[in-house]
Amino acid sequence: MAGLIFIIIIGIWFLIVLALTSWIAKKLPQRWWKIPLSILIFVVLLILPVIDEIVGGWQFKRLCEANADIQVDKEAAIGKTVYYQSQASIEIKGTWVHIVLQPWSFVDSITGEQIISYNTLLAGGGLFFKNFSQGGVPLLFNGSCRPKESLKDIIKLLEVKVLDRP
C-alpha cells in the first residue's frame, strides 16, 4: 500500500512541476535561452524534494571512503588478548542528512592500549523519503558503511584473542 501511495505522490509532484514550469516558461521572453532555461527549471523543481538525499549521499560517500579502513598495529597485535571498549557515537554536523559515526575499539586486556580500531557510519533518510522508508533510511543511497576488510580475518591472522569486557 505504501508503494502505491508513493507512486501516486511522485505522479502528482511530476504534474505540479510540469504545470509550474509551463507557467514560468510563459512568463519568459522569447529568446534563444527560453527552452534550455525551462528545462533547467523543470529538473531543479523535480529533484527539489530529494536534493537533501542527493547531496547527503555524496557527503556520506566521502565520509565512508575516509573511514573505510581498520587501523591495527600488526606487530603489537600478534598474540594479544583484547576486549571491546565501547565508545559514544558521534553525530556528524554540517551534512544534509543525519549521519552518525560509531567508533569501535579493541584494547589490550593488560595494558589498556588500543590495538584495533575502526569506524562504522549510518545515515538517515532525507526529509521527503524519511516518511516512506522503514526506519527512516535513505532510499537513494546505501546508508550504512563499514570497513571492507573482515575484522574476523584480521583477528585470526594475527592470532588475537577477543574476550568479553572484564
N, C-alpha and C. Protein backbone atom coordinates (compact mmCIF):
# COMPACT_ATOMS: atom_id res chain seq x y z
N MET A 1 0.82 -1.19 0.00
CA MET A 1 0.00 0.00 0.00
C MET A 1 0.86 1.27 0.00
N ALA A 2 1.94 1.24 0.81
CA ALA A 2 2.83 2.40 0.86
C ALA A 2 3.47 2.66 -0.50
N GLY A 3 3.77 1.59 -1.23
CA GLY A 3 4.37 1.74 -2.56
C GLY A 3 3.42 2.42 -3.53
N LEU A 4 2.15 2.08 -3.46
CA LEU A 4 1.14 2.70 -4.32
C LEU A 4 0.98 4.17 -3.99
N ILE A 5 0.94 4.48 -2.71
CA ILE A 5 0.84 5.88 -2.28
C ILE A 5 2.06 6.66 -2.75
N PHE A 6 3.22 6.04 -2.64
CA PHE A 6 4.47 6.67 -3.08
C PHE A 6 4.41 6.99 -4.58
N ILE A 7 3.96 6.05 -5.38
CA ILE A 7 3.87 6.26 -6.84
C ILE A 7 2.87 7.37 -7.16
N ILE A 8 1.76 7.41 -6.44
CA ILE A 8 0.76 8.46 -6.67
C ILE A 8 1.35 9.83 -6.32
N ILE A 9 2.08 9.91 -5.20
CA ILE A 9 2.69 11.18 -4.81
C ILE A 9 3.72 11.63 -5.84
N ILE A 10 4.52 10.70 -6.34
CA ILE A 10 5.51 11.04 -7.38
C ILE A 10 4.80 11.56 -8.63
N GLY A 11 3.72 10.90 -9.03
CA GLY A 11 2.96 11.33 -10.21
C GLY A 11 2.36 12.72 -10.03
N ILE A 12 1.79 12.97 -8.85
CA ILE A 12 1.22 14.29 -8.57
C ILE A 12 2.31 15.35 -8.59
N TRP A 13 3.46 15.05 -7.97
CA TRP A 13 4.57 16.01 -7.96
C TRP A 13 5.04 16.31 -9.39
N PHE A 14 5.13 15.28 -10.22
CA PHE A 14 5.54 15.45 -11.61
C PHE A 14 4.58 16.40 -12.33
N LEU A 15 3.29 16.21 -12.14
CA LEU A 15 2.30 17.07 -12.80
C LEU A 15 2.37 18.51 -12.28
N ILE A 16 2.58 18.68 -10.97
CA ILE A 16 2.72 20.02 -10.39
C ILE A 16 3.93 20.72 -10.98
N VAL A 17 5.05 20.02 -11.05
CA VAL A 17 6.29 20.60 -11.60
C VAL A 17 6.10 20.95 -13.07
N LEU A 18 5.45 20.08 -13.82
CA LEU A 18 5.18 20.34 -15.23
C LEU A 18 4.33 21.60 -15.40
N ALA A 19 3.29 21.73 -14.61
CA ALA A 19 2.41 22.89 -14.69
C ALA A 19 3.16 24.16 -14.27
N LEU A 20 3.91 24.08 -13.19
CA LEU A 20 4.66 25.24 -12.71
C LEU A 20 5.72 25.68 -13.72
N THR A 21 6.41 24.73 -14.31
CA THR A 21 7.43 25.05 -15.32
C THR A 21 6.78 25.69 -16.55
N SER A 22 5.65 25.16 -16.95
CA SER A 22 4.93 25.73 -18.10
C SER A 22 4.49 27.16 -17.81
N TRP A 23 3.98 27.41 -16.61
CA TRP A 23 3.56 28.75 -16.22
C TRP A 23 4.74 29.72 -16.22
N ILE A 24 5.89 29.28 -15.67
CA ILE A 24 7.08 30.12 -15.64
C ILE A 24 7.58 30.39 -17.06
N ALA A 25 7.58 29.35 -17.90
CA ALA A 25 8.07 29.49 -19.28
C ALA A 25 7.23 30.50 -20.07
N LYS A 26 5.94 30.54 -19.80
CA LYS A 26 5.07 31.51 -20.49
C LYS A 26 5.43 32.95 -20.12
N LYS A 27 5.96 33.14 -18.93
CA LYS A 27 6.34 34.49 -18.46
C LYS A 27 7.69 34.94 -19.02
N LEU A 28 8.48 33.99 -19.53
CA LEU A 28 9.81 34.32 -20.04
C LEU A 28 9.71 34.93 -21.44
N PRO A 29 10.61 35.85 -21.78
CA PRO A 29 10.61 36.43 -23.13
C PRO A 29 11.06 35.40 -24.17
N GLN A 30 10.68 35.62 -25.41
CA GLN A 30 11.06 34.72 -26.50
C GLN A 30 12.51 34.97 -26.87
N ARG A 31 13.40 34.25 -26.25
CA ARG A 31 14.84 34.34 -26.51
C ARG A 31 15.36 32.93 -26.77
N TRP A 32 16.61 32.87 -27.22
CA TRP A 32 17.22 31.57 -27.52
C TRP A 32 17.36 30.71 -26.28
N TRP A 33 17.42 31.31 -25.09
CA TRP A 33 17.66 30.58 -23.85
C TRP A 33 16.39 30.15 -23.13
N LYS A 34 15.22 30.44 -23.72
CA LYS A 34 13.95 30.11 -23.06
C LYS A 34 13.78 28.60 -22.85
N ILE A 35 14.02 27.81 -23.88
CA ILE A 35 13.84 26.35 -23.76
C ILE A 35 14.89 25.73 -22.83
N PRO A 36 16.19 26.06 -22.99
CA PRO A 36 17.15 25.49 -22.03
C PRO A 36 16.87 25.89 -20.57
N LEU A 37 16.47 27.14 -20.37
CA LEU A 37 16.15 27.60 -19.01
C LEU A 37 14.91 26.88 -18.47
N SER A 38 13.93 26.67 -19.32
CA SER A 38 12.71 25.95 -18.91
C SER A 38 13.05 24.51 -18.51
N ILE A 39 13.92 23.88 -19.27
CA ILE A 39 14.34 22.51 -18.95
C ILE A 39 15.08 22.49 -17.62
N LEU A 40 15.95 23.44 -17.41
CA LEU A 40 16.69 23.54 -16.15
C LEU A 40 15.74 23.76 -14.98
N ILE A 41 14.79 24.65 -15.13
CA ILE A 41 13.80 24.90 -14.08
C ILE A 41 13.02 23.62 -13.77
N PHE A 42 12.61 22.89 -14.81
CA PHE A 42 11.87 21.64 -14.62
C PHE A 42 12.70 20.63 -13.81
N VAL A 43 13.95 20.46 -14.18
CA VAL A 43 14.81 19.49 -13.50
C VAL A 43 15.04 19.90 -12.04
N VAL A 44 15.33 21.17 -11.81
CA VAL A 44 15.57 21.66 -10.44
C VAL A 44 14.34 21.46 -9.59
N LEU A 45 13.17 21.85 -10.10
CA LEU A 45 11.95 21.68 -9.33
C LEU A 45 11.63 20.21 -9.08
N LEU A 46 11.90 19.37 -10.08
CA LEU A 46 11.60 17.94 -9.96
C LEU A 46 12.42 17.28 -8.85
N ILE A 47 13.70 17.64 -8.75
CA ILE A 47 14.55 16.99 -7.74
C ILE A 47 14.56 17.72 -6.39
N LEU A 48 13.90 18.85 -6.32
CA LEU A 48 13.92 19.65 -5.10
C LEU A 48 13.54 18.86 -3.83
N PRO A 49 12.51 18.00 -3.85
CA PRO A 49 12.16 17.28 -2.61
C PRO A 49 13.22 16.27 -2.16
N VAL A 50 14.09 15.85 -3.08
CA VAL A 50 15.09 14.84 -2.72
C VAL A 50 16.52 15.36 -2.78
N ILE A 51 16.66 16.67 -2.91
CA ILE A 51 18.01 17.24 -3.03
C ILE A 51 18.84 16.95 -1.79
N ASP A 52 18.20 16.88 -0.61
CA ASP A 52 18.97 16.59 0.60
C ASP A 52 19.56 15.19 0.55
N GLU A 53 18.85 14.22 -0.03
CA GLU A 53 19.41 12.87 -0.16
C GLU A 53 20.48 12.80 -1.23
N ILE A 54 20.35 13.57 -2.28
CA ILE A 54 21.36 13.58 -3.34
C ILE A 54 22.67 14.13 -2.80
N VAL A 55 22.61 15.31 -2.19
CA VAL A 55 23.82 15.92 -1.62
C VAL A 55 24.31 15.11 -0.43
N GLY A 56 23.39 14.67 0.43
CA GLY A 56 23.76 13.84 1.58
C GLY A 56 24.43 12.54 1.16
N GLY A 57 24.01 11.98 0.04
CA GLY A 57 24.64 10.75 -0.47
C GLY A 57 26.09 11.00 -0.87
N TRP A 58 26.36 12.13 -1.50
CA TRP A 58 27.75 12.47 -1.86
C TRP A 58 28.58 12.66 -0.59
N GLN A 59 28.02 13.38 0.38
CA GLN A 59 28.75 13.61 1.63
C GLN A 59 29.01 12.28 2.35
N PHE A 60 28.02 11.41 2.38
CA PHE A 60 28.16 10.12 3.05
C PHE A 60 29.23 9.27 2.35
N LYS A 61 29.25 9.29 1.03
CA LYS A 61 30.24 8.52 0.28
C LYS A 61 31.66 8.98 0.62
N ARG A 62 31.87 10.30 0.68
CA ARG A 62 33.20 10.82 1.03
C ARG A 62 33.59 10.43 2.45
N LEU A 63 32.66 10.53 3.38
CA LEU A 63 32.94 10.13 4.77
C LEU A 63 33.23 8.64 4.86
N CYS A 64 32.51 7.85 4.10
CA CYS A 64 32.71 6.41 4.09
C CYS A 64 34.11 6.06 3.56
N GLU A 65 34.51 6.70 2.48
CA GLU A 65 35.85 6.44 1.93
C GLU A 65 36.94 6.84 2.91
N ALA A 66 36.73 7.91 3.67
CA ALA A 66 37.73 8.37 4.64
C ALA A 66 37.79 7.49 5.88
N ASN A 67 36.74 6.71 6.13
CA ASN A 67 36.68 5.88 7.34
C ASN A 67 36.55 4.39 7.02
N ALA A 68 37.05 3.97 5.88
CA ALA A 68 36.81 2.61 5.42
C ALA A 68 37.88 1.60 5.81
N ASP A 69 38.83 1.98 6.64
CA ASP A 69 39.92 1.07 6.97
C ASP A 69 39.90 0.68 8.45
N ILE A 70 40.41 -0.51 8.70
CA ILE A 70 40.63 -0.96 10.08
C ILE A 70 42.06 -0.58 10.43
N GLN A 71 42.22 0.14 11.54
CA GLN A 71 43.56 0.52 11.99
C GLN A 71 44.04 -0.53 12.99
N VAL A 72 45.19 -1.10 12.68
CA VAL A 72 45.75 -2.11 13.57
C VAL A 72 47.27 -2.04 13.49
N ASP A 73 47.90 -2.06 14.65
CA ASP A 73 49.36 -2.15 14.72
C ASP A 73 49.67 -3.65 14.73
N LYS A 74 49.98 -4.17 13.55
CA LYS A 74 50.12 -5.62 13.41
C LYS A 74 51.20 -6.21 14.30
N GLU A 75 52.30 -5.53 14.45
CA GLU A 75 53.38 -6.05 15.29
C GLU A 75 52.96 -6.10 16.76
N ALA A 76 52.26 -5.06 17.21
CA ALA A 76 51.83 -5.01 18.61
C ALA A 76 50.65 -5.94 18.86
N ALA A 77 49.91 -6.30 17.83
CA ALA A 77 48.69 -7.08 18.00
C ALA A 77 48.92 -8.59 18.03
N ILE A 78 50.01 -9.06 17.48
CA ILE A 78 50.23 -10.51 17.36
C ILE A 78 50.16 -11.19 18.72
N GLY A 79 49.22 -12.13 18.82
CA GLY A 79 49.08 -12.94 20.02
C GLY A 79 48.47 -12.25 21.22
N LYS A 80 48.00 -11.02 21.09
CA LYS A 80 47.44 -10.27 22.22
C LYS A 80 46.05 -10.77 22.58
N THR A 81 45.67 -10.50 23.80
CA THR A 81 44.31 -10.72 24.28
C THR A 81 43.68 -9.35 24.43
N VAL A 82 42.54 -9.14 23.77
CA VAL A 82 41.91 -7.83 23.77
C VAL A 82 40.44 -7.95 24.18
N TYR A 83 39.86 -6.81 24.48
CA TYR A 83 38.42 -6.74 24.70
C TYR A 83 37.88 -5.49 24.04
N TYR A 84 36.59 -5.53 23.74
CA TYR A 84 35.94 -4.38 23.11
C TYR A 84 35.70 -3.30 24.14
N GLN A 85 36.10 -2.08 23.82
CA GLN A 85 35.85 -0.94 24.68
C GLN A 85 34.86 -0.03 23.98
N SER A 86 33.67 0.08 24.54
CA SER A 86 32.63 0.87 23.88
C SER A 86 32.97 2.36 23.92
N GLN A 87 32.50 3.05 22.89
CA GLN A 87 32.71 4.49 22.77
C GLN A 87 31.40 5.12 22.31
N ALA A 88 31.20 6.36 22.66
CA ALA A 88 29.98 7.06 22.28
C ALA A 88 29.95 7.33 20.78
N SER A 89 28.75 7.29 20.24
CA SER A 89 28.55 7.64 18.83
C SER A 89 28.81 9.13 18.65
N ILE A 90 29.21 9.49 17.43
CA ILE A 90 29.49 10.89 17.11
C ILE A 90 28.56 11.31 15.98
N GLU A 91 27.75 12.33 16.25
CA GLU A 91 26.87 12.85 15.22
C GLU A 91 27.67 13.81 14.35
N ILE A 92 27.70 13.54 13.05
CA ILE A 92 28.45 14.38 12.11
C ILE A 92 27.62 15.63 11.81
N LYS A 93 28.19 16.77 12.08
CA LYS A 93 27.50 18.04 11.86
C LYS A 93 27.78 18.55 10.45
N GLY A 94 26.89 19.37 9.94
CA GLY A 94 27.11 20.03 8.66
C GLY A 94 26.79 19.18 7.45
N THR A 95 26.04 18.10 7.63
CA THR A 95 25.66 17.25 6.50
C THR A 95 24.18 17.45 6.20
N TRP A 96 23.77 17.12 5.00
CA TRP A 96 22.39 17.36 4.57
C TRP A 96 21.43 16.29 5.08
N VAL A 97 21.96 15.14 5.47
CA VAL A 97 21.16 14.10 6.12
C VAL A 97 21.83 13.76 7.45
N HIS A 98 21.09 13.14 8.33
CA HIS A 98 21.62 12.78 9.64
C HIS A 98 22.63 11.63 9.47
N ILE A 99 23.88 11.85 9.88
CA ILE A 99 24.93 10.83 9.79
C ILE A 99 25.56 10.65 11.16
N VAL A 100 25.70 9.38 11.56
CA VAL A 100 26.30 9.06 12.86
C VAL A 100 27.51 8.16 12.62
N LEU A 101 28.63 8.53 13.24
CA LEU A 101 29.86 7.74 13.19
C LEU A 101 29.97 6.97 14.50
N GLN A 102 30.13 5.63 14.40
CA GLN A 102 30.28 4.80 15.59
C GLN A 102 31.71 4.25 15.62
N PRO A 103 32.54 4.73 16.56
CA PRO A 103 33.90 4.19 16.67
C PRO A 103 33.88 2.83 17.39
N TRP A 104 34.72 1.94 16.92
CA TRP A 104 34.90 0.62 17.53
C TRP A 104 36.35 0.49 17.93
N SER A 105 36.60 0.01 19.13
CA SER A 105 37.96 -0.05 19.62
C SER A 105 38.16 -1.33 20.43
N PHE A 106 39.26 -2.01 20.16
CA PHE A 106 39.65 -3.19 20.93
C PHE A 106 40.98 -2.87 21.60
N VAL A 107 41.02 -3.02 22.92
CA VAL A 107 42.20 -2.65 23.68
C VAL A 107 42.83 -3.87 24.33
N ASP A 108 44.14 -3.77 24.56
CA ASP A 108 44.91 -4.84 25.22
C ASP A 108 44.32 -5.05 26.62
N SER A 109 44.09 -6.30 26.98
CA SER A 109 43.46 -6.59 28.27
C SER A 109 44.39 -6.31 29.45
N ILE A 110 45.67 -6.21 29.21
CA ILE A 110 46.62 -5.95 30.30
C ILE A 110 46.98 -4.47 30.37
N THR A 111 47.39 -3.89 29.25
CA THR A 111 47.89 -2.51 29.26
C THR A 111 46.80 -1.47 28.99
N GLY A 112 45.68 -1.87 28.41
CA GLY A 112 44.63 -0.92 28.04
C GLY A 112 44.95 -0.15 26.77
N GLU A 113 46.06 -0.51 26.12
CA GLU A 113 46.48 0.15 24.88
C GLU A 113 45.56 -0.28 23.72
N GLN A 114 45.18 0.69 22.89
CA GLN A 114 44.33 0.38 21.75
C GLN A 114 45.12 -0.45 20.74
N ILE A 115 44.54 -1.58 20.35
CA ILE A 115 45.21 -2.49 19.41
C ILE A 115 44.54 -2.45 18.03
N ILE A 116 43.22 -2.48 18.01
CA ILE A 116 42.46 -2.48 16.76
C ILE A 116 41.35 -1.44 16.88
N SER A 117 41.15 -0.66 15.83
CA SER A 117 40.04 0.30 15.83
C SER A 117 39.53 0.49 14.40
N TYR A 118 38.28 0.83 14.33
CA TYR A 118 37.66 1.16 13.04
C TYR A 118 36.37 1.92 13.32
N ASN A 119 35.77 2.44 12.27
CA ASN A 119 34.53 3.21 12.39
C ASN A 119 33.47 2.63 11.46
N THR A 120 32.22 2.75 11.88
CA THR A 120 31.10 2.48 11.00
C THR A 120 30.27 3.76 10.92
N LEU A 121 29.55 3.90 9.83
CA LEU A 121 28.72 5.09 9.62
C LEU A 121 27.29 4.65 9.28
N LEU A 122 26.34 5.40 9.79
CA LEU A 122 24.93 5.19 9.47
C LEU A 122 24.32 6.53 9.09
N ALA A 123 23.51 6.51 8.03
CA ALA A 123 22.85 7.73 7.57
C ALA A 123 21.35 7.55 7.63
N GLY A 124 20.67 8.63 7.95
CA GLY A 124 19.22 8.65 7.90
C GLY A 124 18.76 9.19 6.56
N GLY A 125 17.49 9.01 6.28
CA GLY A 125 16.94 9.48 5.02
C GLY A 125 16.69 10.98 5.03
N GLY A 126 16.47 11.51 3.86
CA GLY A 126 16.15 12.93 3.72
C GLY A 126 14.73 13.20 4.20
N LEU A 127 14.36 14.44 4.24
CA LEU A 127 13.05 14.83 4.77
C LEU A 127 11.89 14.18 4.02
N PHE A 128 11.97 14.14 2.70
CA PHE A 128 10.87 13.58 1.91
C PHE A 128 10.79 12.07 2.04
N PHE A 129 11.90 11.37 1.83
CA PHE A 129 11.88 9.91 1.84
C PHE A 129 11.78 9.31 3.24
N LYS A 130 12.11 10.09 4.26
CA LYS A 130 12.05 9.58 5.62
C LYS A 130 10.65 9.05 5.94
N ASN A 131 9.64 9.62 5.32
CA ASN A 131 8.26 9.20 5.58
C ASN A 131 7.86 7.95 4.81
N PHE A 132 8.69 7.50 3.86
CA PHE A 132 8.32 6.36 3.04
C PHE A 132 9.18 5.12 3.28
N SER A 133 10.26 5.25 4.01
CA SER A 133 11.12 4.09 4.24
C SER A 133 11.02 3.64 5.68
N GLN A 134 11.08 2.35 5.88
CA GLN A 134 11.03 1.81 7.23
C GLN A 134 12.31 2.17 7.95
N GLY A 135 12.19 2.71 9.13
CA GLY A 135 13.36 3.07 9.91
C GLY A 135 14.00 4.37 9.48
N GLY A 136 13.41 5.08 8.54
CA GLY A 136 13.94 6.37 8.12
C GLY A 136 15.26 6.28 7.38
N VAL A 137 15.52 5.16 6.69
CA VAL A 137 16.79 5.01 5.96
C VAL A 137 16.68 5.70 4.61
N PRO A 138 17.82 6.09 4.04
CA PRO A 138 17.78 6.74 2.73
C PRO A 138 17.34 5.77 1.63
N LEU A 139 16.67 6.30 0.63
CA LEU A 139 16.24 5.46 -0.50
C LEU A 139 17.13 5.64 -1.72
N LEU A 140 17.91 6.73 -1.77
CA LEU A 140 18.72 7.00 -2.96
C LEU A 140 20.17 6.53 -2.82
N PHE A 141 20.58 6.11 -1.62
CA PHE A 141 21.93 5.57 -1.42
C PHE A 141 21.91 4.62 -0.23
N ASN A 142 22.93 3.77 -0.17
CA ASN A 142 23.05 2.84 0.95
C ASN A 142 23.54 3.62 2.16
N GLY A 143 22.75 3.67 3.21
CA GLY A 143 23.07 4.48 4.37
C GLY A 143 23.87 3.76 5.43
N SER A 144 24.60 2.74 5.06
CA SER A 144 25.42 2.00 6.01
C SER A 144 26.81 1.81 5.42
N CYS A 145 27.83 2.01 6.25
CA CYS A 145 29.20 1.89 5.78
C CYS A 145 30.05 1.25 6.87
N ARG A 146 30.81 0.28 6.47
CA ARG A 146 31.76 -0.38 7.38
C ARG A 146 33.01 -0.72 6.60
N PRO A 147 34.10 -1.04 7.28
CA PRO A 147 35.34 -1.36 6.55
C PRO A 147 35.16 -2.54 5.59
N LYS A 148 35.90 -2.49 4.51
CA LYS A 148 35.84 -3.56 3.51
C LYS A 148 36.52 -4.83 4.02
N GLU A 149 37.56 -4.65 4.83
CA GLU A 149 38.28 -5.80 5.37
C GLU A 149 37.41 -6.50 6.41
N SER A 150 37.70 -7.76 6.64
CA SER A 150 36.98 -8.53 7.64
C SER A 150 37.75 -8.49 8.96
N LEU A 151 37.09 -8.01 10.00
CA LEU A 151 37.70 -7.97 11.33
C LEU A 151 38.05 -9.39 11.79
N LYS A 152 37.17 -10.34 11.51
CA LYS A 152 37.41 -11.73 11.91
C LYS A 152 38.68 -12.28 11.26
N ASP A 153 38.88 -11.96 9.98
CA ASP A 153 40.09 -12.42 9.28
C ASP A 153 41.35 -11.82 9.89
N ILE A 154 41.32 -10.53 10.23
CA ILE A 154 42.48 -9.88 10.83
C ILE A 154 42.78 -10.49 12.20
N ILE A 155 41.75 -10.71 12.99
CA ILE A 155 41.92 -11.31 14.31
C ILE A 155 42.50 -12.71 14.20
N LYS A 156 42.01 -13.47 13.24
CA LYS A 156 42.50 -14.84 13.04
C LYS A 156 43.95 -14.82 12.55
N LEU A 157 44.25 -13.94 11.59
CA LEU A 157 45.60 -13.85 11.02
C LEU A 157 46.63 -13.47 12.08
N LEU A 158 46.28 -12.54 12.98
CA LEU A 158 47.21 -12.06 13.99
C LEU A 158 47.12 -12.86 15.30
N GLU A 159 46.27 -13.89 15.31
CA GLU A 159 46.09 -14.76 16.48
C GLU A 159 45.73 -13.95 17.73
N VAL A 160 44.83 -13.00 17.54
CA VAL A 160 44.34 -12.17 18.63
C VAL A 160 43.16 -12.88 19.29
N LYS A 161 43.16 -12.89 20.62
CA LYS A 161 42.06 -13.49 21.35
C LYS A 161 41.17 -12.36 21.87
N VAL A 162 39.87 -12.43 21.58
CA VAL A 162 38.93 -11.40 22.00
C VAL A 162 38.11 -11.93 23.17
N LEU A 163 38.19 -11.20 24.28
CA LEU A 163 37.44 -11.55 25.50
C LEU A 163 36.23 -10.67 25.66
N ASP A 164 35.31 -11.12 26.48
CA ASP A 164 34.23 -10.23 26.90
C ASP A 164 34.84 -9.20 27.82
N ARG A 165 34.25 -8.02 27.85
CA ARG A 165 34.80 -6.94 28.67
C ARG A 165 34.88 -7.36 30.14
N PRO A 166 36.05 -7.13 30.77
CA PRO A 166 36.21 -7.53 32.17
C PRO A 166 35.35 -6.70 33.11
